Amino acid sequence: MSEIVVDGEPLPFVEGQTVAAALVAAGRLAWRTSRVGHRPRGVFCGIGVCFDCLVTVDGAGGQRACLVRARPGMTVTTREDDETPEDDATREDDDE
Protein backbone atom coordinates (compact mmCIF):
# COMPACT_ATOMS: atom_id res chain seq x y z
CA MET A 1 0.00 0.00 0.00
CA SER A 2 1.32 3.44 -0.93
CA GLU A 3 1.16 6.64 1.11
CA ILE A 4 0.43 10.31 0.63
CA VAL A 5 1.31 12.94 3.21
CA VAL A 6 -1.66 14.87 4.60
CA ASP A 7 -0.90 17.80 6.90
CA GLY A 8 2.50 16.28 7.63
CA GLU A 9 1.18 12.81 8.48
CA PRO A 10 1.46 9.71 6.28
CA LEU A 11 -1.86 8.38 4.98
CA PRO A 12 -2.15 5.04 3.16
CA PHE A 13 -4.13 4.73 -0.04
CA VAL A 14 -5.03 2.04 -2.54
CA GLU A 15 -4.01 2.50 -6.16
CA GLY A 16 -6.77 4.28 -8.07
CA GLN A 17 -8.22 6.06 -5.02
CA THR A 18 -8.81 9.76 -5.05
CA VAL A 19 -7.43 11.92 -2.25
CA ALA A 20 -10.98 12.23 -0.88
CA ALA A 21 -11.45 8.45 -0.89
CA ALA A 22 -8.17 7.98 0.97
CA LEU A 23 -9.18 10.59 3.56
CA VAL A 24 -12.60 9.02 4.09
CA ALA A 25 -11.10 5.51 4.27
CA ALA A 26 -8.83 6.81 7.05
CA GLY A 27 -11.84 8.16 8.95
CA ARG A 28 -11.47 11.83 8.02
CA LEU A 29 -14.95 12.88 6.95
CA ALA A 30 -14.25 16.63 7.09
CA TRP A 31 -11.00 18.49 6.48
CA ARG A 32 -11.98 22.14 6.32
CA THR A 33 -14.75 24.42 7.54
CA SER A 34 -17.02 26.79 5.69
CA ARG A 35 -16.43 30.51 5.90
CA VAL A 36 -20.01 31.22 6.94
CA GLY A 37 -21.09 29.20 9.96
CA HIS A 38 -17.72 27.39 10.23
CA ARG A 39 -19.39 24.07 9.46
CA PRO A 40 -17.33 20.99 8.66
CA ARG A 41 -16.74 20.26 4.99
CA GLY A 42 -15.35 17.20 3.23
CA VAL A 43 -16.49 15.19 0.25
CA PHE A 44 -20.14 15.87 -0.57
CA CYS A 45 -20.99 15.30 -4.23
CA GLY A 46 -17.95 13.21 -5.13
CA ILE A 47 -17.95 14.47 -8.74
CA GLY A 48 -16.27 17.88 -8.46
CA VAL A 49 -19.37 20.06 -8.62
CA CYS A 50 -19.82 21.29 -5.04
CA PHE A 51 -16.21 22.33 -4.22
CA ASP A 52 -16.66 21.23 -0.59
CA CYS A 53 -13.57 18.99 -0.68
CA LEU A 54 -10.91 21.57 -1.61
CA VAL A 55 -7.32 20.87 -0.60
CA THR A 56 -3.84 21.98 -1.61
CA VAL A 57 -1.92 19.30 -3.53
CA ASP A 58 1.84 19.62 -3.95
CA GLY A 59 1.55 23.39 -3.44
CA ALA A 60 -1.34 23.91 -5.88
CA GLY A 61 -4.37 25.27 -4.01
CA GLY A 62 -8.04 24.83 -4.81
CA GLN A 63 -7.78 21.19 -5.84
CA ARG A 64 -10.93 19.08 -5.58
CA ALA A 65 -9.95 16.05 -3.50
CA CYS A 66 -12.72 14.00 -5.09
CA LEU A 67 -11.13 14.38 -8.55
CA VAL A 68 -7.40 14.16 -7.78
CA ARG A 69 -6.00 10.62 -7.85
CA ALA A 70 -3.61 9.91 -5.00
CA ARG A 71 0.02 9.34 -6.01
CA PRO A 72 2.83 7.99 -3.83
CA GLY A 73 4.61 10.83 -2.04
CA MET A 74 1.95 13.43 -2.87
CA THR A 75 1.73 16.22 -0.29
CA VAL A 76 -1.78 17.34 0.66
CA THR A 77 -2.64 20.25 2.92
CA THR A 78 -6.18 20.64 4.13
CA ARG A 79 -7.74 24.07 3.87
CA GLU A 80 -8.59 26.63 6.49
CA ASP A 81 -11.92 28.45 6.52
CA ASP A 82 -10.37 31.72 5.34
CA GLU A 83 -9.32 29.96 2.11
CA THR A 84 -12.75 28.74 1.05
CA PRO A 85 -14.27 29.87 -2.25
CA GLU A 86 -16.97 32.51 -2.33
CA ASP A 87 -19.63 29.88 -3.13
CA ASP A 88 -19.57 28.86 0.56
CA ALA A 89 -21.18 32.20 1.41
CA THR A 90 -24.21 31.29 -0.67
CA ARG A 91 -24.83 27.82 0.75
CA GLU A 92 -28.29 27.78 2.32
CA ASP A 93 -27.30 25.39 5.09
CA ASP A 94 -24.75 27.91 6.39
CA ASP A 95 -27.25 30.73 6.82
CA GLU A 96 -28.85 29.22 9.90
PDB file of N, CA and C in Angstrom:
ATOM      1  N   MET A   1       0.852  -1.185   0.000  1.00  0.00           N
ATOM      2  CA  MET A   1       0.000   0.000   0.000  1.00  0.00           C
ATOM      3  C   MET A   1       0.892   1.241   0.000  1.00  0.00           C
ATOM      4  N   SER A   2       0.556   2.201  -0.818  1.00  0.00           N
ATOM      5  CA  SER A   2       1.316   3.445  -0.935  1.00  0.00           C
ATOM      6  C   SER A   2       0.805   4.471   0.064  1.00  0.00           C
ATOM      7  N   GLU A   3       1.550   5.574   0.185  1.00  0.00           N
ATOM      8  CA  GLU A   3       1.159   6.637   1.112  1.00  0.00           C
ATOM      9  C   GLU A   3       1.237   8.003   0.448  1.00  0.00           C
ATOM     10  N   ILE A   4       0.328   8.883   0.895  1.00  0.00           N
ATOM     11  CA  ILE A   4       0.426  10.306   0.629  1.00  0.00           C
ATOM     12  C   ILE A   4       0.699  10.961   1.973  1.00  0.00           C
ATOM     13  N   VAL A   5       1.076  12.207   1.964  1.00  0.00           N
ATOM     14  CA  VAL A   5       1.314  12.942   3.206  1.00  0.00           C
ATOM     15  C   VAL A   5       0.236  14.011   3.315  1.00  0.00           C
ATOM     16  N   VAL A   6      -0.564  13.926   4.385  1.00  0.00           N
ATOM     17  CA  VAL A   6      -1.655  14.874   4.602  1.00  0.00           C
ATOM     18  C   VAL A   6      -1.371  15.646   5.882  1.00  0.00           C
ATOM     19  N   ASP A   7      -1.204  16.939   5.747  1.00  0.00           N
ATOM     20  CA  ASP A   7      -0.904  17.800   6.897  1.00  0.00           C
ATOM     21  C   ASP A   7       0.277  17.264   7.701  1.00  0.00           C
ATOM     22  N   GLY A   8       1.283  16.762   6.987  1.00  0.00           N
ATOM     23  CA  GLY A   8       2.502  16.282   7.625  1.00  0.00           C
ATOM     24  C   GLY A   8       2.460  14.848   8.120  1.00  0.00           C
ATOM     25  N   GLU A   9       1.328  14.182   7.996  1.00  0.00           N
ATOM     26  CA  GLU A   9       1.179  12.807   8.480  1.00  0.00           C
ATOM     27  C   GLU A   9       0.996  11.848   7.307  1.00  0.00           C
ATOM     28  N   PRO A  10       1.657  10.685   7.353  1.00  0.00           N
ATOM     29  CA  PRO A  10       1.458   9.711   6.275  1.00  0.00           C
ATOM     30  C   PRO A  10       0.042   9.141   6.292  1.00  0.00           C
ATOM     31  N   LEU A  11      -0.507   8.928   5.106  1.00  0.00           N
ATOM     32  CA  LEU A  11      -1.856   8.383   4.981  1.00  0.00           C
ATOM     33  C   LEU A  11      -1.832   7.337   3.863  1.00  0.00           C
ATOM     34  N   PRO A  12      -2.170   6.083   4.190  1.00  0.00           N
ATOM     35  CA  PRO A  12      -2.148   5.044   3.157  1.00  0.00           C
ATOM     36  C   PRO A  12      -3.294   5.210   2.166  1.00  0.00           C
ATOM     37  N   PHE A  13      -3.062   4.734   0.961  1.00  0.00           N
ATOM     38  CA  PHE A  13      -4.131   4.726  -0.038  1.00  0.00           C
ATOM     39  C   PHE A  13      -3.958   3.518  -0.942  1.00  0.00           C
ATOM     40  N   VAL A  14      -5.034   3.142  -1.582  1.00  0.00           N
ATOM     41  CA  VAL A  14      -5.034   2.038  -2.537  1.00  0.00           C
ATOM     42  C   VAL A  14      -4.931   2.638  -3.934  1.00  0.00           C
ATOM     43  N   GLU A  15      -4.163   2.004  -4.795  1.00  0.00           N
ATOM     44  CA  GLU A  15      -4.010   2.504  -6.160  1.00  0.00           C
ATOM     45  C   GLU A  15      -5.373   2.744  -6.800  1.00  0.00           C
ATOM     46  N   GLY A  16      -5.520   3.913  -7.416  1.00  0.00           N
ATOM     47  CA  GLY A  16      -6.773   4.282  -8.068  1.00  0.00           C
ATOM     48  C   GLY A  16      -7.675   5.148  -7.207  1.00  0.00           C
ATOM     49  N   GLN A  17      -7.394   5.224  -5.895  1.00  0.00           N
ATOM     50  CA  GLN A  17      -8.223   6.056  -5.015  1.00  0.00           C
ATOM     51  C   GLN A  17      -7.954   7.530  -5.244  1.00  0.00           C
ATOM     52  N   THR A  18      -8.989   8.318  -5.060  1.00  0.00           N
ATOM     53  CA  THR A  18      -8.809   9.765  -5.047  1.00  0.00           C
ATOM     54  C   THR A  18      -8.311  10.166  -3.663  1.00  0.00           C
ATOM     55  N   VAL A  19      -7.850  11.399  -3.554  1.00  0.00           N
ATOM     56  CA  VAL A  19      -7.431  11.920  -2.255  1.00  0.00           C
ATOM     57  C   VAL A  19      -8.609  11.878  -1.284  1.00  0.00           C
ATOM     58  N   ALA A  20      -9.794  12.256  -1.742  1.00  0.00           N
ATOM     59  CA  ALA A  20     -10.982  12.228  -0.879  1.00  0.00           C
ATOM     60  C   ALA A  20     -11.275  10.812  -0.397  1.00  0.00           C
ATOM     61  N   ALA A  21     -11.190   9.834  -1.280  1.00  0.00           N
ATOM     62  CA  ALA A  21     -11.453   8.446  -0.893  1.00  0.00           C
ATOM     63  C   ALA A  21     -10.448   7.974   0.149  1.00  0.00           C
ATOM     64  N   ALA A  22      -9.189   8.354  -0.007  1.00  0.00           N
ATOM     65  CA  ALA A  22      -8.166   7.983   0.968  1.00  0.00           C
ATOM     66  C   ALA A  22      -8.445   8.631   2.321  1.00  0.00           C
ATOM     67  N   LEU A  23      -8.851   9.903   2.307  1.00  0.00           N
ATOM     68  CA  LEU A  23      -9.178  10.592   3.559  1.00  0.00           C
ATOM     69  C   LEU A  23     -10.366   9.935   4.252  1.00  0.00           C
ATOM     70  N   VAL A  24     -11.411   9.650   3.513  1.00  0.00           N
ATOM     71  CA  VAL A  24     -12.604   9.021   4.092  1.00  0.00           C
ATOM     72  C   VAL A  24     -12.272   7.619   4.600  1.00  0.00           C
ATOM     73  N   ALA A  25     -11.486   6.857   3.843  1.00  0.00           N
ATOM     74  CA  ALA A  25     -11.097   5.509   4.269  1.00  0.00           C
ATOM     75  C   ALA A  25     -10.312   5.542   5.578  1.00  0.00           C
ATOM     76  N   ALA A  26      -9.597   6.647   5.812  1.00  0.00           N
ATOM     77  CA  ALA A  26      -8.829   6.806   7.045  1.00  0.00           C
ATOM     78  C   ALA A  26      -9.672   7.397   8.174  1.00  0.00           C
ATOM     79  N   GLY A  27     -10.954   7.639   7.916  1.00  0.00           N
ATOM     80  CA  GLY A  27     -11.843   8.160   8.951  1.00  0.00           C
ATOM     81  C   GLY A  27     -11.969   9.667   8.999  1.00  0.00           C
ATOM     82  N   ARG A  28     -11.364  10.363   8.055  1.00  0.00           N
ATOM     83  CA  ARG A  28     -11.472  11.833   8.019  1.00  0.00           C
ATOM     84  C   ARG A  28     -12.626  12.216   7.118  1.00  0.00           C
ATOM     85  N   LEU A  29     -13.758  12.539   7.720  1.00  0.00           N
ATOM     86  CA  LEU A  29     -14.949  12.881   6.951  1.00  0.00           C
ATOM     87  C   LEU A  29     -15.028  14.362   6.622  1.00  0.00           C
ATOM     88  N   ALA A  30     -14.295  15.187   7.346  1.00  0.00           N
ATOM     89  CA  ALA A  30     -14.248  16.635   7.094  1.00  0.00           C
ATOM     90  C   ALA A  30     -12.802  17.081   7.249  1.00  0.00           C
ATOM     91  N   TRP A  31     -12.377  18.009   6.386  1.00  0.00           N
ATOM     92  CA  TRP A  31     -11.003  18.495   6.477  1.00  0.00           C
ATOM     93  C   TRP A  31     -10.887  19.988   6.290  1.00  0.00           C
ATOM     94  N   ARG A  32     -11.978  20.678   6.306  1.00  0.00           N
ATOM     95  CA  ARG A  32     -11.977  22.141   6.323  1.00  0.00           C
ATOM     96  C   ARG A  32     -13.320  22.589   6.870  1.00  0.00           C
ATOM     97  N   THR A  33     -13.469  23.873   7.087  1.00  0.00           N
ATOM     98  CA  THR A  33     -14.747  24.417   7.537  1.00  0.00           C
ATOM     99  C   THR A  33     -15.191  25.509   6.584  1.00  0.00           C
ATOM    100  N   SER A  34     -16.491  25.739   6.553  1.00  0.00           N
ATOM    101  CA  SER A  34     -17.022  26.788   5.688  1.00  0.00           C
ATOM    102  C   SER A  34     -16.735  28.158   6.290  1.00  0.00           C
ATOM    103  N   ARG A  35     -16.674  29.149   5.442  1.00  0.00           N
ATOM    104  CA  ARG A  35     -16.427  30.515   5.896  1.00  0.00           C
ATOM    105  C   ARG A  35     -17.602  31.020   6.729  1.00  0.00           C
ATOM    106  N   VAL A  36     -18.803  30.795   6.237  1.00  0.00           N
ATOM    107  CA  VAL A  36     -20.009  31.224   6.936  1.00  0.00           C
ATOM    108  C   VAL A  36     -20.499  30.053   7.780  1.00  0.00           C
ATOM    109  N   GLY A  37     -20.598  30.247   9.073  1.00  0.00           N
ATOM    110  CA  GLY A  37     -21.086  29.199   9.955  1.00  0.00           C
ATOM    111  C   GLY A  37     -20.020  28.238  10.444  1.00  0.00           C
ATOM    112  N   HIS A  38     -18.841  28.247   9.830  1.00  0.00           N
ATOM    113  CA  HIS A  38     -17.724  27.387  10.229  1.00  0.00           C
ATOM    114  C   HIS A  38     -18.143  25.930  10.386  1.00  0.00           C
ATOM    115  N   ARG A  39     -18.923  25.460   9.428  1.00  0.00           N
ATOM    116  CA  ARG A  39     -19.393  24.070   9.464  1.00  0.00           C
ATOM    117  C   ARG A  39     -18.379  23.156   8.786  1.00  0.00           C
ATOM    118  N   PRO A  40     -18.290  21.921   9.257  1.00  0.00           N
ATOM    119  CA  PRO A  40     -17.330  20.986   8.658  1.00  0.00           C
ATOM    120  C   PRO A  40     -17.649  20.689   7.199  1.00  0.00           C
ATOM    121  N   ARG A  41     -16.597  20.578   6.409  1.00  0.00           N
ATOM    122  CA  ARG A  41     -16.735  20.260   4.995  1.00  0.00           C
ATOM    123  C   ARG A  41     -15.743  19.156   4.641  1.00  0.00           C
ATOM    124  N   GLY A  42     -16.178  18.285   3.760  1.00  0.00           N
ATOM    125  CA  GLY A  42     -15.348  17.201   3.233  1.00  0.00           C
ATOM    126  C   GLY A  42     -15.890  16.867   1.864  1.00  0.00           C
ATOM    127  N   VAL A  43     -15.929  15.585   1.538  1.00  0.00           N
ATOM    128  CA  VAL A  43     -16.490  15.189   0.247  1.00  0.00           C
ATOM    129  C   VAL A  43     -18.012  15.185   0.368  1.00  0.00           C
ATOM    130  N   PHE A  44     -18.681  15.806  -0.592  1.00  0.00           N
ATOM    131  CA  PHE A  44     -20.144  15.874  -0.573  1.00  0.00           C
ATOM    132  C   PHE A  44     -20.705  15.237  -1.839  1.00  0.00           C
ATOM    133  N   CYS A  45     -20.423  15.840  -2.985  1.00  0.00           N
ATOM    134  CA  CYS A  45     -20.995  15.300  -4.229  1.00  0.00           C
ATOM    135  C   CYS A  45     -20.146  14.174  -4.816  1.00  0.00           C
ATOM    136  N   GLY A  46     -18.841  14.236  -4.617  1.00  0.00           N
ATOM    137  CA  GLY A  46     -17.954  13.208  -5.133  1.00  0.00           C
ATOM    138  C   GLY A  46     -17.670  13.291  -6.626  1.00  0.00           C
ATOM    139  N   ILE A  47     -18.166  14.338  -7.292  1.00  0.00           N
ATOM    140  CA  ILE A  47     -17.951  14.473  -8.737  1.00  0.00           C
ATOM    141  C   ILE A  47     -17.385  15.840  -9.130  1.00  0.00           C
ATOM    142  N   GLY A  48     -16.929  16.611  -8.160  1.00  0.00           N
ATOM    143  CA  GLY A  48     -16.270  17.877  -8.455  1.00  0.00           C
ATOM    144  C   GLY A  48     -17.155  19.078  -8.664  1.00  0.00           C
ATOM    145  N   VAL A  49     -18.437  18.960  -8.373  1.00  0.00           N
ATOM    146  CA  VAL A  49     -19.370  20.057  -8.622  1.00  0.00           C
ATOM    147  C   VAL A  49     -19.481  21.001  -7.426  1.00  0.00           C
ATOM    148  N   CYS A  50     -19.491  20.476  -6.221  1.00  0.00           N
ATOM    149  CA  CYS A  50     -19.824  21.291  -5.042  1.00  0.00           C
ATOM    150  C   CYS A  50     -18.639  22.067  -4.460  1.00  0.00           C
ATOM    151  N   PHE A  51     -17.414  21.670  -4.729  1.00  0.00           N
ATOM    152  CA  PHE A  51     -16.207  22.329  -4.220  1.00  0.00           C
ATOM    153  C   PHE A  51     -16.087  22.265  -2.697  1.00  0.00           C
ATOM    154  N   ASP A  52     -16.781  21.358  -2.040  1.00  0.00           N
ATOM    155  CA  ASP A  52     -16.658  21.229  -0.586  1.00  0.00           C
ATOM    156  C   ASP A  52     -15.358  20.554  -0.167  1.00  0.00           C
ATOM    157  N   CYS A  53     -14.716  19.823  -1.056  1.00  0.00           N
ATOM    158  CA  CYS A  53     -13.568  18.994  -0.679  1.00  0.00           C
ATOM    159  C   CYS A  53     -12.219  19.617  -1.035  1.00  0.00           C
ATOM    160  N   LEU A  54     -12.147  20.924  -1.170  1.00  0.00           N
ATOM    161  CA  LEU A  54     -10.912  21.574  -1.612  1.00  0.00           C
ATOM    162  C   LEU A  54      -9.733  21.320  -0.682  1.00  0.00           C
ATOM    163  N   VAL A  55      -8.579  21.070  -1.302  1.00  0.00           N
ATOM    164  CA  VAL A  55      -7.316  20.872  -0.595  1.00  0.00           C
ATOM    165  C   VAL A  55      -6.206  21.506  -1.439  1.00  0.00           C
ATOM    166  N   THR A  56      -5.023  21.574  -0.864  1.00  0.00           N
ATOM    167  CA  THR A  56      -3.838  21.983  -1.607  1.00  0.00           C
ATOM    168  C   THR A  56      -3.027  20.724  -1.881  1.00  0.00           C
ATOM    169  N   VAL A  57      -2.672  20.493  -3.138  1.00  0.00           N
ATOM    170  CA  VAL A  57      -1.923  19.301  -3.533  1.00  0.00           C
ATOM    171  C   VAL A  57      -0.587  19.727  -4.125  1.00  0.00           C
ATOM    172  N   ASP A  58       0.494  19.287  -3.478  1.00  0.00           N
ATOM    173  CA  ASP A  58       1.845  19.618  -3.947  1.00  0.00           C
ATOM    174  C   ASP A  58       1.991  21.110  -4.231  1.00  0.00           C
ATOM    175  N   GLY A  59       1.425  21.938  -3.347  1.00  0.00           N
ATOM    176  CA  GLY A  59       1.548  23.385  -3.444  1.00  0.00           C
ATOM    177  C   GLY A  59       0.517  24.078  -4.309  1.00  0.00           C
ATOM    178  N   ALA A  60      -0.301  23.323  -5.017  1.00  0.00           N
ATOM    179  CA  ALA A  60      -1.338  23.910  -5.877  1.00  0.00           C
ATOM    180  C   ALA A  60      -2.661  23.935  -5.122  1.00  0.00           C
ATOM    181  N   GLY A  61      -3.132  25.127  -4.777  1.00  0.00           N
ATOM    182  CA  GLY A  61      -4.367  25.270  -4.011  1.00  0.00           C
ATOM    183  C   GLY A  61      -5.614  25.063  -4.842  1.00  0.00           C
ATOM    184  N   GLY A  62      -6.742  24.927  -4.153  1.00  0.00           N
ATOM    185  CA  GLY A  62      -8.036  24.833  -4.811  1.00  0.00           C
ATOM    186  C   GLY A  62      -8.270  23.543  -5.565  1.00  0.00           C
ATOM    187  N   GLN A  63      -7.610  22.482  -5.168  1.00  0.00           N
ATOM    188  CA  GLN A  63      -7.782  21.193  -5.840  1.00  0.00           C
ATOM    189  C   GLN A  63      -8.957  20.438  -5.222  1.00  0.00           C
ATOM    190  N   ARG A  64      -9.788  19.868  -6.060  1.00  0.00           N
ATOM    191  CA  ARG A  64     -10.927  19.084  -5.576  1.00  0.00           C
ATOM    192  C   ARG A  64     -10.456  17.673  -5.255  1.00  0.00           C
ATOM    193  N   ALA A  65     -10.467  17.341  -3.965  1.00  0.00           N
ATOM    194  CA  ALA A  65      -9.951  16.052  -3.497  1.00  0.00           C
ATOM    195  C   ALA A  65     -10.688  14.876  -4.116  1.00  0.00           C
ATOM    196  N   CYS A  66     -11.937  15.086  -4.497  1.00  0.00           N
ATOM    197  CA  CYS A  66     -12.720  13.995  -5.091  1.00  0.00           C
ATOM    198  C   CYS A  66     -12.318  13.699  -6.530  1.00  0.00           C
ATOM    199  N   LEU A  67     -11.548  14.579  -7.155  1.00  0.00           N
ATOM    200  CA  LEU A  67     -11.133  14.384  -8.547  1.00  0.00           C
ATOM    201  C   LEU A  67      -9.655  14.035  -8.696  1.00  0.00           C
ATOM    202  N   VAL A  68      -8.847  14.366  -7.697  1.00  0.00           N
ATOM    203  CA  VAL A  68      -7.403  14.157  -7.783  1.00  0.00           C
ATOM    204  C   VAL A  68      -7.061  12.740  -7.324  1.00  0.00           C
ATOM    205  N   ARG A  69      -6.439  11.972  -8.207  1.00  0.00           N
ATOM    206  CA  ARG A  69      -6.003  10.618  -7.850  1.00  0.00           C
ATOM    207  C   ARG A  69      -4.757  10.710  -6.972  1.00  0.00           C
ATOM    208  N   ALA A  70      -4.757   9.951  -5.897  1.00  0.00           N
ATOM    209  CA  ALA A  70      -3.608   9.915  -4.995  1.00  0.00           C
ATOM    210  C   ALA A  70      -2.416   9.277  -5.709  1.00  0.00           C
ATOM    211  N   ARG A  71      -1.230   9.857  -5.476  1.00  0.00           N
ATOM    212  CA  ARG A  71       0.024   9.341  -6.013  1.00  0.00           C
ATOM    213  C   ARG A  71       1.013   9.187  -4.868  1.00  0.00           C
ATOM    214  N   PRO A  72       1.849   8.166  -4.897  1.00  0.00           N
ATOM    215  CA  PRO A  72       2.834   7.990  -3.828  1.00  0.00           C
ATOM    216  C   PRO A  72       3.666   9.255  -3.629  1.00  0.00           C
ATOM    217  N   GLY A  73       3.807   9.667  -2.372  1.00  0.00           N
ATOM    218  CA  GLY A  73       4.614  10.832  -2.038  1.00  0.00           C
ATOM    219  C   GLY A  73       3.926  12.171  -2.196  1.00  0.00           C
ATOM    220  N   MET A  74       2.704  12.183  -2.698  1.00  0.00           N
ATOM    221  CA  MET A  74       1.946  13.428  -2.871  1.00  0.00           C
ATOM    222  C   MET A  74       1.788  14.120  -1.512  1.00  0.00           C
ATOM    223  N   THR A  75       1.919  15.438  -1.510  1.00  0.00           N
ATOM    224  CA  THR A  75       1.730  16.216  -0.286  1.00  0.00           C
ATOM    225  C   THR A  75       0.404  16.958  -0.373  1.00  0.00           C
ATOM    226  N   VAL A  76      -0.446  16.730   0.621  1.00  0.00           N
ATOM    227  CA  VAL A  76      -1.775  17.342   0.662  1.00  0.00           C
ATOM    228  C   VAL A  76      -1.884  18.181   1.926  1.00  0.00           C
ATOM    229  N   THR A  77      -2.378  19.383   1.775  1.00  0.00           N
ATOM    230  CA  THR A  77      -2.641  20.253   2.918  1.00  0.00           C
ATOM    231  C   THR A  77      -4.124  20.563   2.914  1.00  0.00           C
ATOM    232  N   THR A  78      -4.760  20.323   4.052  1.00  0.00           N
ATOM    233  CA  THR A  78      -6.177  20.644   4.133  1.00  0.00           C
ATOM    234  C   THR A  78      -6.335  22.141   4.280  1.00  0.00           C
ATOM    235  N   ARG A  79      -7.522  22.631   3.968  1.00  0.00           N
ATOM    236  CA  ARG A  79      -7.744  24.067   3.873  1.00  0.00           C
ATOM    237  C   ARG A  79      -8.328  24.645   5.154  1.00  0.00           C
ATOM    238  N   GLU A  80      -8.028  25.889   5.363  1.00  0.00           N
ATOM    239  CA  GLU A  80      -8.593  26.626   6.490  1.00  0.00           C
ATOM    240  C   GLU A  80      -9.794  27.417   6.004  1.00  0.00           C
ATOM    241  N   ASP A  81     -10.681  27.794   6.930  1.00  0.00           N
ATOM    242  CA  ASP A  81     -11.920  28.454   6.517  1.00  0.00           C
ATOM    243  C   ASP A  81     -11.709  29.801   5.834  1.00  0.00           C
ATOM    244  N   ASP A  82     -10.581  30.452   6.037  1.00  0.00           N
ATOM    245  CA  ASP A  82     -10.373  31.723   5.338  1.00  0.00           C
ATOM    246  C   ASP A  82      -9.901  31.504   3.899  1.00  0.00           C
ATOM    247  N   GLU A  83      -9.748  30.255   3.473  1.00  0.00           N
ATOM    248  CA  GLU A  83      -9.321  29.961   2.113  1.00  0.00           C
ATOM    249  C   GLU A  83     -10.446  29.396   1.258  1.00  0.00           C
ATOM    250  N   THR A  84     -11.656  29.368   1.779  1.00  0.00           N
ATOM    251  CA  THR A  84     -12.751  28.742   1.045  1.00  0.00           C
ATOM    252  C   THR A  84     -13.224  29.635  -0.088  1.00  0.00           C
ATOM    253  N   PRO A  85     -13.782  29.051  -1.136  1.00  0.00           N
ATOM    254  CA  PRO A  85     -14.272  29.867  -2.248  1.00  0.00           C
ATOM    255  C   PRO A  85     -15.525  30.633  -1.863  1.00  0.00           C
ATOM    256  N   GLU A  86     -15.815  31.657  -2.643  1.00  0.00           N
ATOM    257  CA  GLU A  86     -16.966  32.506  -2.332  1.00  0.00           C
ATOM    258  C   GLU A  86     -18.284  31.751  -2.388  1.00  0.00           C
ATOM    259  N   ASP A  87     -18.347  30.592  -3.056  1.00  0.00           N
ATOM    260  CA  ASP A  87     -19.626  29.883  -3.129  1.00  0.00           C
ATOM    261  C   ASP A  87     -20.070  29.365  -1.764  1.00  0.00           C
ATOM    262  N   ASP A  88     -19.169  29.254  -0.794  1.00  0.00           N
ATOM    263  CA  ASP A  88     -19.574  28.863   0.556  1.00  0.00           C
ATOM    264  C   ASP A  88     -20.534  29.881   1.161  1.00  0.00           C
ATOM    265  N   ALA A  89     -20.346  31.145   0.826  1.00  0.00           N
ATOM    266  CA  ALA A  89     -21.175  32.195   1.412  1.00  0.00           C
ATOM    267  C   ALA A  89     -22.619  32.113   0.931  1.00  0.00           C
ATOM    268  N   THR A  90     -22.849  31.384  -0.139  1.00  0.00           N
ATOM    269  CA  THR A  90     -24.205  31.291  -0.674  1.00  0.00           C
ATOM    270  C   THR A  90     -24.894  29.981  -0.338  1.00  0.00           C
ATOM    271  N   ARG A  91     -24.231  29.106   0.392  1.00  0.00           N
ATOM    272  CA  ARG A  91     -24.831  27.820   0.745  1.00  0.00           C
ATOM    273  C   ARG A  91     -25.951  28.046   1.750  1.00  0.00           C
ATOM    274  N   GLU A  92     -27.138  27.575   1.447  1.00  0.00           N
ATOM    275  CA  GLU A  92     -28.295  27.785   2.319  1.00  0.00           C
ATOM    276  C   GLU A  92     -28.100  27.191   3.697  1.00  0.00           C
ATOM    277  N   ASP A  93     -27.444  26.047   3.795  1.00  0.00           N
ATOM    278  CA  ASP A  93     -27.301  25.393   5.089  1.00  0.00           C
ATOM    279  C   ASP A  93     -26.376  26.143   6.034  1.00  0.00           C
ATOM    280  N   ASP A  94     -25.617  27.113   5.537  1.00  0.00           N
ATOM    281  CA  ASP A  94     -24.751  27.909   6.388  1.00  0.00           C
ATOM    282  C   ASP A  94     -25.425  29.169   6.912  1.00  0.00           C
ATOM    283  N   ASP A  95     -26.592  29.491   6.417  1.00  0.00           N
ATOM    284  CA  ASP A  95     -27.254  30.726   6.815  1.00  0.00           C
ATOM    285  C   ASP A  95     -28.025  30.600   8.117  1.00  0.00           C
ATOM    286  N   GLU A  96     -28.066  29.420   8.671  1.00  0.00           N
ATOM    287  CA  GLU A  96     -28.852  29.215   9.902  1.00  0.00           C
ATOM    288  C   GLU A  96     -28.121  29.714  11.118  1.00  0.00           C
TER     289      GLU A  96
END
